[in-house]
N, C-alpha and C. Protein backbone atom coordinates (compact mmCIF):
# COMPACT_ATOMS: atom_id res chain seq x y z
N UNK A 1 76.08 68.74 152.12
CA UNK A 1 77.05 69.10 151.08
C UNK A 1 77.53 70.53 151.31
N UNK A 2 78.84 70.70 151.38
CA UNK A 2 79.42 72.01 151.64
C UNK A 2 79.54 72.77 150.32
N UNK A 3 79.04 73.99 150.33
CA UNK A 3 79.13 74.82 149.13
C UNK A 3 80.55 75.32 148.95
N UNK A 4 80.99 75.36 147.68
CA UNK A 4 82.32 75.87 147.39
C UNK A 4 82.37 77.38 147.49
N UNK A 5 83.54 77.90 147.72
CA UNK A 5 83.72 79.34 147.83
C UNK A 5 83.58 79.99 146.46
N UNK A 6 82.72 80.98 146.39
CA UNK A 6 82.47 81.67 145.12
C UNK A 6 83.50 82.76 144.92
N UNK A 7 84.12 82.74 143.77
CA UNK A 7 85.13 83.76 143.46
C UNK A 7 84.43 85.09 143.15
N UNK A 8 84.90 86.16 143.78
CA UNK A 8 84.25 87.46 143.62
C UNK A 8 84.73 88.13 142.33
N UNK A 9 84.04 87.84 141.28
CA UNK A 9 84.28 88.50 140.00
C UNK A 9 82.99 88.44 139.19
N UNK A 10 82.94 89.19 138.14
CA UNK A 10 81.74 89.28 137.31
C UNK A 10 81.42 87.94 136.68
N UNK A 11 80.15 87.54 136.77
CA UNK A 11 79.70 86.30 136.16
C UNK A 11 79.49 86.55 134.67
N UNK A 12 80.20 85.82 133.85
CA UNK A 12 80.16 86.07 132.41
C UNK A 12 78.89 85.56 131.77
N UNK A 13 78.37 84.44 132.24
CA UNK A 13 77.15 83.87 131.66
C UNK A 13 75.95 84.74 132.04
N UNK A 14 75.20 85.21 131.06
CA UNK A 14 74.11 86.15 131.32
C UNK A 14 73.00 85.51 132.14
N UNK A 15 72.66 84.25 131.86
CA UNK A 15 71.59 83.58 132.60
C UNK A 15 71.97 83.37 134.05
N UNK A 16 73.18 82.87 134.27
CA UNK A 16 73.65 82.66 135.65
C UNK A 16 73.74 83.99 136.40
N UNK A 17 74.17 85.04 135.70
CA UNK A 17 74.27 86.35 136.34
C UNK A 17 72.91 86.86 136.78
N UNK A 18 71.87 86.66 135.95
CA UNK A 18 70.54 87.13 136.29
C UNK A 18 69.96 86.34 137.46
N UNK A 19 70.18 85.02 137.46
CA UNK A 19 69.69 84.18 138.56
C UNK A 19 70.35 84.57 139.87
N UNK A 20 71.66 84.77 139.83
CA UNK A 20 72.39 85.17 141.04
C UNK A 20 71.92 86.52 141.54
N UNK A 21 71.66 87.45 140.62
CA UNK A 21 71.18 88.78 141.02
C UNK A 21 69.84 88.67 141.73
N UNK A 22 68.93 87.90 141.17
CA UNK A 22 67.60 87.78 141.77
C UNK A 22 67.68 87.18 143.18
N UNK A 23 68.50 86.12 143.33
CA UNK A 23 68.61 85.49 144.63
C UNK A 23 69.22 86.43 145.66
N UNK A 24 70.32 87.05 145.30
CA UNK A 24 71.01 87.91 146.27
C UNK A 24 70.24 89.20 146.55
N UNK A 25 69.51 89.69 145.58
CA UNK A 25 68.68 90.88 145.82
C UNK A 25 67.61 90.57 146.85
N UNK A 26 66.94 89.43 146.67
CA UNK A 26 65.90 89.05 147.64
C UNK A 26 66.48 88.85 149.03
N UNK A 27 67.67 88.25 149.07
CA UNK A 27 68.31 88.05 150.37
C UNK A 27 68.70 89.37 151.01
N UNK A 28 69.17 90.31 150.22
CA UNK A 28 69.57 91.61 150.75
C UNK A 28 68.36 92.39 151.25
N UNK A 29 67.26 92.32 150.52
CA UNK A 29 66.03 93.00 150.97
C UNK A 29 65.52 92.38 152.26
N UNK A 30 65.63 91.07 152.38
CA UNK A 30 65.19 90.39 153.61
C UNK A 30 66.05 90.80 154.79
N UNK A 31 67.37 90.88 154.59
CA UNK A 31 68.27 91.28 155.67
C UNK A 31 68.01 92.72 156.10
N UNK A 32 67.71 93.60 155.13
CA UNK A 32 67.42 94.99 155.46
C UNK A 32 66.15 95.10 156.31
N UNK A 33 65.14 94.30 155.96
CA UNK A 33 63.90 94.29 156.74
C UNK A 33 64.15 93.77 158.16
N UNK A 34 64.90 92.68 158.26
CA UNK A 34 65.20 92.12 159.57
C UNK A 34 65.99 93.11 160.43
N UNK A 35 66.94 93.82 159.82
CA UNK A 35 67.73 94.81 160.56
C UNK A 35 66.87 95.93 161.09
N UNK A 36 65.91 96.39 160.29
CA UNK A 36 65.04 97.48 160.74
C UNK A 36 64.12 97.04 161.86
N UNK A 37 63.67 95.77 161.83
CA UNK A 37 62.76 95.29 162.87
C UNK A 37 63.50 94.92 164.14
N UNK A 38 64.57 94.15 164.03
CA UNK A 38 65.29 93.66 165.20
C UNK A 38 66.01 94.78 165.94
N UNK A 39 66.56 95.72 165.19
CA UNK A 39 67.38 96.77 165.82
C UNK A 39 66.70 98.12 165.86
N UNK A 40 65.47 98.20 165.38
CA UNK A 40 64.73 99.46 165.35
C UNK A 40 65.56 100.55 164.65
N UNK A 41 66.17 100.17 163.53
CA UNK A 41 67.02 101.10 162.77
C UNK A 41 66.26 101.62 161.55
N UNK A 42 66.61 102.82 161.17
CA UNK A 42 66.02 103.39 159.95
C UNK A 42 66.89 102.93 158.77
N UNK A 43 66.33 102.09 157.94
CA UNK A 43 67.07 101.46 156.85
C UNK A 43 66.42 101.83 155.52
N UNK A 44 67.25 102.20 154.58
CA UNK A 44 66.79 102.47 153.20
C UNK A 44 67.75 101.76 152.25
N UNK A 45 67.21 101.02 151.31
CA UNK A 45 68.01 100.24 150.38
C UNK A 45 67.51 100.49 148.95
N UNK A 46 68.46 100.82 148.06
CA UNK A 46 68.12 101.08 146.65
C UNK A 46 69.01 100.19 145.79
N UNK A 47 68.40 99.47 144.86
CA UNK A 47 69.14 98.57 143.97
C UNK A 47 68.66 98.81 142.54
N UNK A 48 69.62 98.98 141.65
CA UNK A 48 69.32 99.07 140.21
C UNK A 48 69.94 97.86 139.53
N UNK A 49 69.14 97.15 138.77
CA UNK A 49 69.64 95.99 138.04
C UNK A 49 70.45 96.45 136.83
N UNK A 50 71.06 95.47 136.15
CA UNK A 50 71.85 95.79 134.97
C UNK A 50 70.99 96.43 133.89
N UNK A 51 69.74 96.07 133.84
CA UNK A 51 68.81 96.63 132.84
C UNK A 51 68.14 97.91 133.31
N UNK A 52 68.48 98.37 134.53
CA UNK A 52 67.94 99.63 135.02
C UNK A 52 66.68 99.50 135.84
N UNK A 53 66.27 98.28 136.17
CA UNK A 53 65.06 98.11 136.98
C UNK A 53 65.37 98.42 138.44
N UNK A 54 64.44 99.12 139.08
CA UNK A 54 64.64 99.58 140.45
C UNK A 54 64.02 98.62 141.45
N UNK A 55 64.79 98.31 142.50
CA UNK A 55 64.27 97.58 143.66
C UNK A 55 64.66 98.37 144.89
N UNK A 56 63.71 98.59 145.80
CA UNK A 56 64.01 99.42 146.96
C UNK A 56 63.26 98.92 148.20
N UNK A 57 63.80 99.30 149.36
CA UNK A 57 63.16 99.01 150.64
C UNK A 57 63.45 100.17 151.57
N UNK A 58 62.43 100.57 152.32
CA UNK A 58 62.60 101.63 153.31
C UNK A 58 61.76 101.29 154.53
N UNK A 59 62.38 101.40 155.67
CA UNK A 59 61.66 101.09 156.90
C UNK A 59 60.68 102.20 157.28
N UNK A 60 60.88 103.40 156.74
CA UNK A 60 59.96 104.51 157.03
C UNK A 60 59.54 105.15 155.70
N UNK A 61 60.15 106.27 155.39
CA UNK A 61 59.87 106.98 154.14
C UNK A 61 61.19 107.18 153.40
N UNK A 62 61.25 106.70 152.15
CA UNK A 62 62.49 106.74 151.40
C UNK A 62 63.00 108.17 151.21
N UNK A 63 62.12 109.11 150.84
CA UNK A 63 62.52 110.48 150.58
C UNK A 63 63.06 111.16 151.83
N UNK A 64 62.39 110.92 152.98
CA UNK A 64 62.86 111.51 154.24
C UNK A 64 64.22 110.92 154.63
N UNK A 65 64.39 109.64 154.40
CA UNK A 65 65.68 109.02 154.73
C UNK A 65 66.80 109.60 153.87
N UNK A 66 66.53 109.82 152.58
CA UNK A 66 67.55 110.39 151.69
C UNK A 66 67.89 111.82 152.11
N UNK A 67 66.87 112.62 152.46
CA UNK A 67 67.12 113.99 152.91
C UNK A 67 67.93 114.00 154.21
N UNK A 68 67.63 113.08 155.10
CA UNK A 68 68.37 112.97 156.36
C UNK A 68 69.84 112.62 156.07
N UNK A 69 70.05 111.74 155.12
CA UNK A 69 71.42 111.36 154.75
C UNK A 69 72.18 112.55 154.17
N UNK A 70 71.51 113.33 153.32
CA UNK A 70 72.16 114.51 152.73
C UNK A 70 72.54 115.52 153.79
N UNK A 71 71.67 115.75 154.74
CA UNK A 71 71.98 116.71 155.82
C UNK A 71 73.18 116.24 156.63
N UNK A 72 73.22 114.96 156.95
CA UNK A 72 74.35 114.43 157.72
C UNK A 72 75.64 114.49 156.90
N UNK A 73 75.54 114.25 155.60
CA UNK A 73 76.72 114.31 154.75
C UNK A 73 77.27 115.73 154.69
N UNK A 74 76.37 116.73 154.60
CA UNK A 74 76.81 118.12 154.59
C UNK A 74 77.49 118.50 155.90
N UNK A 75 76.91 118.07 157.01
CA UNK A 75 77.51 118.37 158.31
C UNK A 75 78.88 117.72 158.45
N UNK A 76 79.00 116.51 157.95
CA UNK A 76 80.29 115.82 158.03
C UNK A 76 81.34 116.53 157.18
N UNK A 77 80.93 116.98 155.99
CA UNK A 77 81.86 117.71 155.15
C UNK A 77 82.27 119.04 155.78
N UNK A 78 81.31 119.70 156.42
CA UNK A 78 81.61 120.99 157.04
C UNK A 78 82.55 120.84 158.22
N UNK A 79 82.47 119.71 158.93
CA UNK A 79 83.31 119.49 160.11
C UNK A 79 84.63 118.80 159.78
N UNK A 80 84.83 118.46 158.54
CA UNK A 80 86.06 117.76 158.14
C UNK A 80 87.02 118.76 157.49
N UNK A 81 88.16 119.06 158.13
CA UNK A 81 89.10 120.04 157.56
C UNK A 81 89.66 119.62 156.21
N UNK A 82 89.89 118.34 156.04
CA UNK A 82 90.45 117.87 154.77
C UNK A 82 89.48 118.12 153.61
N UNK A 83 88.21 117.86 153.86
CA UNK A 83 87.20 118.10 152.82
C UNK A 83 87.09 119.59 152.52
N UNK A 84 87.14 120.43 153.55
CA UNK A 84 87.07 121.88 153.34
C UNK A 84 88.27 122.36 152.51
N UNK A 85 89.46 121.86 152.84
CA UNK A 85 90.66 122.25 152.08
C UNK A 85 90.55 121.80 150.64
N UNK A 86 90.05 120.59 150.45
CA UNK A 86 89.87 120.09 149.08
C UNK A 86 88.87 120.93 148.31
N UNK A 87 87.79 121.34 148.95
CA UNK A 87 86.79 122.18 148.29
C UNK A 87 87.37 123.54 147.92
N UNK A 88 88.19 124.12 148.82
CA UNK A 88 88.82 125.40 148.52
C UNK A 88 89.77 125.29 147.33
N UNK A 89 90.53 124.20 147.28
CA UNK A 89 91.43 123.99 146.15
C UNK A 89 90.66 123.84 144.84
N UNK A 90 89.55 123.12 144.89
CA UNK A 90 88.73 122.95 143.70
C UNK A 90 88.15 124.29 143.23
N UNK A 91 87.71 125.11 144.18
CA UNK A 91 87.18 126.43 143.82
C UNK A 91 88.27 127.30 143.20
N UNK A 92 89.49 127.23 143.76
CA UNK A 92 90.60 128.02 143.22
C UNK A 92 90.95 127.56 141.80
N UNK A 93 91.01 126.25 141.60
CA UNK A 93 91.30 125.73 140.27
C UNK A 93 90.21 126.09 139.27
N UNK A 94 88.97 126.06 139.73
CA UNK A 94 87.86 126.43 138.85
C UNK A 94 87.95 127.89 138.44
N UNK A 95 88.30 128.76 139.40
CA UNK A 95 88.44 130.18 139.10
C UNK A 95 89.57 130.43 138.09
N UNK A 96 90.72 129.76 138.31
CA UNK A 96 91.84 129.92 137.37
C UNK A 96 91.48 129.41 135.98
N UNK A 97 90.77 128.30 135.92
CA UNK A 97 90.37 127.76 134.63
C UNK A 97 89.42 128.70 133.90
N UNK A 98 88.50 129.32 134.66
CA UNK A 98 87.56 130.27 134.04
C UNK A 98 88.31 131.49 133.47
N UNK A 99 89.36 131.96 134.18
CA UNK A 99 90.14 133.09 133.68
C UNK A 99 90.90 132.71 132.41
N UNK A 100 91.47 131.49 132.39
CA UNK A 100 92.19 131.04 131.19
C UNK A 100 91.25 130.93 130.00
N UNK A 101 90.05 130.41 130.23
CA UNK A 101 89.07 130.30 129.15
C UNK A 101 88.68 131.67 128.62
N UNK A 102 88.52 132.63 129.54
CA UNK A 102 88.17 133.99 129.12
C UNK A 102 89.29 134.61 128.27
N UNK A 103 90.55 134.41 128.67
CA UNK A 103 91.68 134.93 127.90
C UNK A 103 91.77 134.28 126.52
N UNK A 104 91.51 132.99 126.46
CA UNK A 104 91.53 132.29 125.17
C UNK A 104 90.43 132.78 124.26
N UNK A 105 89.25 133.05 124.82
CA UNK A 105 88.15 133.57 124.01
C UNK A 105 88.47 134.96 123.47
N UNK A 106 89.09 135.81 124.31
CA UNK A 106 89.49 137.15 123.85
C UNK A 106 90.52 137.04 122.74
N UNK A 107 91.52 136.16 122.92
CA UNK A 107 92.55 135.97 121.88
C UNK A 107 91.95 135.46 120.59
N UNK A 108 90.99 134.55 120.69
CA UNK A 108 90.35 134.01 119.49
C UNK A 108 89.58 135.11 118.75
N UNK A 109 88.86 135.94 119.49
CA UNK A 109 88.11 137.02 118.84
C UNK A 109 89.05 138.00 118.14
N UNK A 110 90.20 138.28 118.77
CA UNK A 110 91.16 139.19 118.15
C UNK A 110 91.76 138.61 116.87
N UNK A 111 92.03 137.30 116.91
CA UNK A 111 92.58 136.65 115.70
C UNK A 111 91.56 136.65 114.57
N UNK A 112 90.27 136.69 114.92
CA UNK A 112 89.22 136.77 113.91
C UNK A 112 88.91 138.20 113.50
N UNK A 113 89.66 139.16 114.06
CA UNK A 113 89.45 140.57 113.70
C UNK A 113 88.36 141.25 114.47
N UNK A 114 87.97 140.69 115.61
CA UNK A 114 86.90 141.27 116.42
C UNK A 114 87.48 141.87 117.70
N UNK A 115 86.89 142.96 118.14
CA UNK A 115 87.31 143.58 119.39
C UNK A 115 88.69 144.19 119.35
N UNK A 116 89.13 144.68 118.18
CA UNK A 116 90.45 145.27 118.05
C UNK A 116 90.47 146.76 118.43
N UNK A 117 89.30 147.34 118.64
CA UNK A 117 89.25 148.77 118.94
C UNK A 117 89.94 149.11 120.25
N UNK A 118 89.85 148.20 121.22
CA UNK A 118 90.43 148.46 122.54
C UNK A 118 91.87 147.99 122.66
N UNK A 119 92.45 147.49 121.58
CA UNK A 119 93.82 146.96 121.63
C UNK A 119 94.84 148.09 121.51
N UNK A 120 95.94 147.95 122.23
CA UNK A 120 97.05 148.90 122.10
C UNK A 120 97.92 148.51 120.91
N UNK A 121 98.93 149.34 120.64
CA UNK A 121 99.82 149.06 119.51
C UNK A 121 100.60 147.77 119.75
N UNK A 122 101.06 147.57 120.97
CA UNK A 122 101.80 146.35 121.28
C UNK A 122 100.91 145.11 121.12
N UNK A 123 99.68 145.22 121.55
CA UNK A 123 98.76 144.09 121.41
C UNK A 123 98.47 143.80 119.95
N UNK A 124 98.34 144.84 119.15
CA UNK A 124 98.13 144.64 117.71
C UNK A 124 99.35 143.99 117.06
N UNK A 125 100.55 144.41 117.49
CA UNK A 125 101.77 143.77 116.98
C UNK A 125 101.81 142.28 117.35
N UNK A 126 101.36 141.99 118.56
CA UNK A 126 101.35 140.59 118.99
C UNK A 126 100.35 139.77 118.17
N UNK A 127 99.18 140.34 117.91
CA UNK A 127 98.19 139.65 117.08
C UNK A 127 98.73 139.43 115.67
N UNK A 128 99.38 140.47 115.12
CA UNK A 128 99.97 140.36 113.78
C UNK A 128 101.04 139.27 113.74
N UNK A 129 101.86 139.20 114.79
CA UNK A 129 102.90 138.17 114.86
C UNK A 129 102.29 136.78 114.92
N UNK A 130 101.23 136.62 115.69
CA UNK A 130 100.56 135.33 115.77
C UNK A 130 99.97 134.92 114.42
N UNK A 131 99.38 135.88 113.74
CA UNK A 131 98.79 135.58 112.42
C UNK A 131 99.87 135.20 111.41
N UNK A 132 101.01 135.92 111.44
CA UNK A 132 102.11 135.60 110.53
C UNK A 132 102.67 134.21 110.81
N UNK A 133 102.79 133.88 112.09
CA UNK A 133 103.28 132.55 112.45
C UNK A 133 102.31 131.47 112.00
N UNK A 134 101.02 131.71 112.20
CA UNK A 134 100.02 130.74 111.76
C UNK A 134 100.01 130.60 110.25
N UNK A 135 100.19 131.73 109.55
CA UNK A 135 100.21 131.69 108.09
C UNK A 135 101.40 130.89 107.57
N UNK A 136 102.57 131.06 108.22
CA UNK A 136 103.73 130.27 107.81
C UNK A 136 103.50 128.78 108.02
N UNK A 137 102.88 128.45 109.14
CA UNK A 137 102.59 127.03 109.40
C UNK A 137 101.62 126.47 108.38
N UNK A 138 100.62 127.28 108.02
CA UNK A 138 99.63 126.83 107.03
C UNK A 138 100.28 126.61 105.68
N UNK A 139 101.13 127.56 105.28
CA UNK A 139 101.80 127.42 103.98
C UNK A 139 102.75 126.23 103.97
N UNK A 140 103.44 126.01 105.08
CA UNK A 140 104.34 124.85 105.16
C UNK A 140 103.56 123.55 105.06
N UNK A 141 102.44 123.50 105.75
CA UNK A 141 101.60 122.29 105.68
C UNK A 141 101.02 122.10 104.29
N UNK A 142 100.64 123.20 103.65
CA UNK A 142 100.11 123.13 102.29
C UNK A 142 101.16 122.61 101.32
N UNK A 143 102.39 123.13 101.43
CA UNK A 143 103.48 122.65 100.57
C UNK A 143 103.77 121.18 100.83
N UNK A 144 103.70 120.77 102.08
CA UNK A 144 103.94 119.37 102.40
C UNK A 144 102.89 118.47 101.79
N UNK A 145 101.63 118.91 101.85
CA UNK A 145 100.55 118.12 101.25
C UNK A 145 100.70 118.05 99.73
N UNK A 146 101.09 119.17 99.10
CA UNK A 146 101.31 119.17 97.66
C UNK A 146 102.43 118.20 97.28
N UNK A 147 103.50 118.22 98.07
CA UNK A 147 104.63 117.32 97.80
C UNK A 147 104.21 115.87 97.91
N UNK A 148 103.44 115.55 98.96
CA UNK A 148 102.97 114.18 99.12
C UNK A 148 102.06 113.77 97.97
N UNK A 149 101.21 114.71 97.51
CA UNK A 149 100.32 114.40 96.40
C UNK A 149 101.10 114.17 95.12
N UNK A 150 102.13 114.97 94.88
CA UNK A 150 102.96 114.79 93.68
C UNK A 150 103.66 113.44 93.71
N UNK A 151 104.18 113.07 94.88
CA UNK A 151 104.84 111.77 95.00
C UNK A 151 103.85 110.63 94.74
N UNK A 152 102.65 110.77 95.24
CA UNK A 152 101.63 109.76 94.99
C UNK A 152 101.30 109.64 93.51
N UNK A 153 101.19 110.80 92.83
CA UNK A 153 100.88 110.79 91.40
C UNK A 153 102.03 110.19 90.60
N UNK A 154 103.28 110.49 91.00
CA UNK A 154 104.43 109.91 90.31
C UNK A 154 104.45 108.40 90.47
N UNK A 155 104.16 107.94 91.67
CA UNK A 155 104.13 106.50 91.91
C UNK A 155 103.00 105.84 91.11
N UNK A 156 101.87 106.52 91.04
CA UNK A 156 100.76 106.00 90.26
C UNK A 156 101.11 105.95 88.77
N UNK A 157 101.81 106.99 88.29
CA UNK A 157 102.24 107.01 86.89
C UNK A 157 103.21 105.87 86.60
N UNK A 158 104.14 105.62 87.54
CA UNK A 158 105.10 104.54 87.35
C UNK A 158 104.40 103.19 87.27
N UNK A 159 103.43 102.98 88.16
CA UNK A 159 102.70 101.71 88.14
C UNK A 159 101.90 101.55 86.87
N UNK A 160 101.30 102.65 86.39
CA UNK A 160 100.53 102.57 85.14
C UNK A 160 101.42 102.28 83.95
N UNK A 161 102.62 102.89 83.92
CA UNK A 161 103.55 102.63 82.84
C UNK A 161 104.02 101.17 82.85
N UNK A 162 104.30 100.65 84.03
CA UNK A 162 104.70 99.25 84.13
C UNK A 162 103.57 98.32 83.68
N UNK A 163 102.34 98.66 84.12
CA UNK A 163 101.20 97.84 83.72
C UNK A 163 100.97 97.91 82.22
N UNK A 164 101.16 99.10 81.65
CA UNK A 164 100.98 99.27 80.21
C UNK A 164 102.04 98.50 79.43
N UNK A 165 103.28 98.51 79.93
CA UNK A 165 104.35 97.77 79.27
C UNK A 165 104.09 96.26 79.30
N UNK A 166 103.56 95.76 80.42
CA UNK A 166 103.25 94.34 80.52
C UNK A 166 102.14 93.96 79.54
N UNK A 167 101.12 94.85 79.44
CA UNK A 167 100.02 94.57 78.52
C UNK A 167 100.50 94.57 77.07
N UNK A 168 101.40 95.53 76.75
CA UNK A 168 101.94 95.58 75.38
C UNK A 168 102.78 94.34 75.09
N UNK A 169 103.50 93.89 76.11
CA UNK A 169 104.33 92.69 75.94
C UNK A 169 103.46 91.46 75.70
N UNK A 170 102.33 91.38 76.39
CA UNK A 170 101.42 90.26 76.18
C UNK A 170 100.79 90.31 74.79
N UNK A 171 100.48 91.54 74.36
CA UNK A 171 99.85 91.69 73.04
C UNK A 171 100.86 91.59 71.90
N UNK A 172 102.15 91.64 72.20
CA UNK A 172 103.18 91.55 71.18
C UNK A 172 103.43 92.85 70.45
N UNK A 173 102.99 93.97 71.02
CA UNK A 173 103.21 95.26 70.37
C UNK A 173 104.33 96.00 71.09
N UNK A 174 104.86 97.02 70.44
CA UNK A 174 105.95 97.80 70.98
C UNK A 174 105.43 98.75 72.03
N UNK A 175 106.06 98.80 73.19
CA UNK A 175 105.60 99.73 74.23
C UNK A 175 105.71 101.18 73.76
N UNK A 176 104.79 102.02 74.09
CA UNK A 176 104.84 103.43 73.68
C UNK A 176 105.99 104.16 74.36
N UNK A 177 106.46 105.23 73.71
CA UNK A 177 107.54 106.03 74.28
C UNK A 177 107.05 106.73 75.52
N UNK A 178 108.04 107.04 76.39
CA UNK A 178 107.68 107.76 77.60
C UNK A 178 107.30 109.19 77.27
N UNK A 179 106.75 109.83 78.26
CA UNK A 179 106.23 111.18 78.04
C UNK A 179 107.34 112.13 77.60
N UNK A 180 108.54 112.03 78.23
CA UNK A 180 109.63 112.94 77.89
C UNK A 180 110.10 112.70 76.46
N UNK A 181 110.16 111.42 76.07
CA UNK A 181 110.58 111.12 74.72
C UNK A 181 109.57 111.63 73.70
N UNK A 182 108.30 111.52 74.06
CA UNK A 182 107.26 112.02 73.16
C UNK A 182 107.37 113.53 73.01
N UNK A 183 107.58 114.21 74.11
CA UNK A 183 107.70 115.67 74.06
C UNK A 183 108.92 116.07 73.25
N UNK A 184 110.07 115.37 73.43
CA UNK A 184 111.29 115.71 72.70
C UNK A 184 111.12 115.50 71.21
N UNK A 185 110.52 114.36 70.83
CA UNK A 185 110.32 114.09 69.41
C UNK A 185 109.35 115.07 68.78
N UNK A 186 108.34 115.47 69.54
CA UNK A 186 107.39 116.44 69.00
C UNK A 186 108.06 117.79 68.79
N UNK A 187 108.95 118.16 69.74
CA UNK A 187 109.66 119.44 69.56
C UNK A 187 110.58 119.39 68.34
N UNK A 188 111.28 118.25 68.13
CA UNK A 188 112.17 118.13 66.99
C UNK A 188 111.40 118.18 65.68
N UNK A 189 110.26 117.54 65.64
CA UNK A 189 109.45 117.57 64.42
C UNK A 189 108.94 118.96 64.13
N UNK A 190 108.63 119.71 65.19
CA UNK A 190 108.15 121.08 64.98
C UNK A 190 109.28 121.95 64.44
N UNK A 191 110.51 121.77 64.99
CA UNK A 191 111.64 122.57 64.52
C UNK A 191 112.01 122.24 63.08
N UNK A 192 111.96 120.97 62.68
CA UNK A 192 112.32 120.58 61.31
C UNK A 192 111.28 121.02 60.30
N UNK A 193 110.06 121.21 60.74
CA UNK A 193 109.00 121.60 59.82
C UNK A 193 108.78 123.10 59.78
N UNK A 194 109.66 123.86 60.43
CA UNK A 194 109.50 125.31 60.42
C UNK A 194 109.81 125.86 59.02
N UNK A 195 109.06 126.82 58.57
CA UNK A 195 109.26 127.47 57.28
C UNK A 195 109.45 128.95 57.52
N UNK A 196 110.06 129.62 56.53
CA UNK A 196 110.32 131.05 56.65
C UNK A 196 109.03 131.79 56.41
N UNK A 197 108.68 132.58 57.38
CA UNK A 197 107.42 133.32 57.29
C UNK A 197 107.64 134.81 57.43
N UNK A 198 108.89 135.25 57.17
CA UNK A 198 109.20 136.67 57.34
C UNK A 198 108.48 137.48 56.27
N UNK A 199 107.86 138.56 56.68
CA UNK A 199 107.14 139.43 55.75
C UNK A 199 108.12 140.41 55.12
N UNK A 200 108.12 140.49 53.73
CA UNK A 200 109.04 141.39 53.01
C UNK A 200 108.23 142.25 52.05
N UNK A 201 108.49 143.54 52.13
CA UNK A 201 107.80 144.49 51.25
C UNK A 201 108.83 145.12 50.32
N UNK A 202 108.64 145.02 49.00
CA UNK A 202 109.59 145.58 48.03
C UNK A 202 109.73 144.68 46.81
N UNK A 203 110.59 145.05 45.89
CA UNK A 203 110.79 144.25 44.69
C UNK A 203 111.56 142.99 45.03
N UNK A 204 111.36 141.94 44.28
CA UNK A 204 112.03 140.67 44.57
C UNK A 204 113.53 140.79 44.47
N UNK A 205 114.09 141.57 43.48
CA UNK A 205 115.52 141.61 43.31
C UNK A 205 116.23 142.39 44.40
N UNK A 206 115.44 143.18 45.23
CA UNK A 206 116.06 143.96 46.30
C UNK A 206 116.15 143.17 47.62
N UNK A 207 115.62 141.99 47.62
CA UNK A 207 115.62 141.20 48.85
C UNK A 207 117.00 140.59 49.08
N UNK A 208 117.51 140.73 50.25
CA UNK A 208 118.81 140.18 50.57
C UNK A 208 118.70 138.73 50.90
N UNK A 209 119.51 137.94 50.26
CA UNK A 209 119.50 136.50 50.52
C UNK A 209 120.50 136.16 51.61
């Protein structure tokens, strides 16, 4: 019976995936052993399972083989112009990034009022300008939040008034007046109930009517 071609993708079934891993791991370890014996090669194999379990094989000493690999990798990098150029670019970018971070830290300390003794007049003007700009942004954001909150409260008031009117309609009672109408009527009642309280000193007949 000819085996079908296995599609190279992750096995979704956990049980099948574990069985396949065990079989292929054993086969890989066997091939590594055969390669070291048949070809007199120094072979080191390290495998970590999905759960983190370690499986390894070494024809001699694993640690010595790893150190030998590191030495060869360093020599290859040193003899490769492209790798050297890439390393120089990385060092340059790292240096520039460190300088930018240092400048940002200095600017942050100045904005917090620290380390201003060594600042010149122009630098102090710049710090003041930054603070004023930040303050304007904060106030604008604060006003925006207040506006949004007021709109939310107005919408909530409208919904409560509608709900109250529906409840009054179900109960058969007259809906209460709106807040503005209540305030207006209260002001009118206060004005109509005003009495003369002017203080007068003297005889009654001398008072001007």
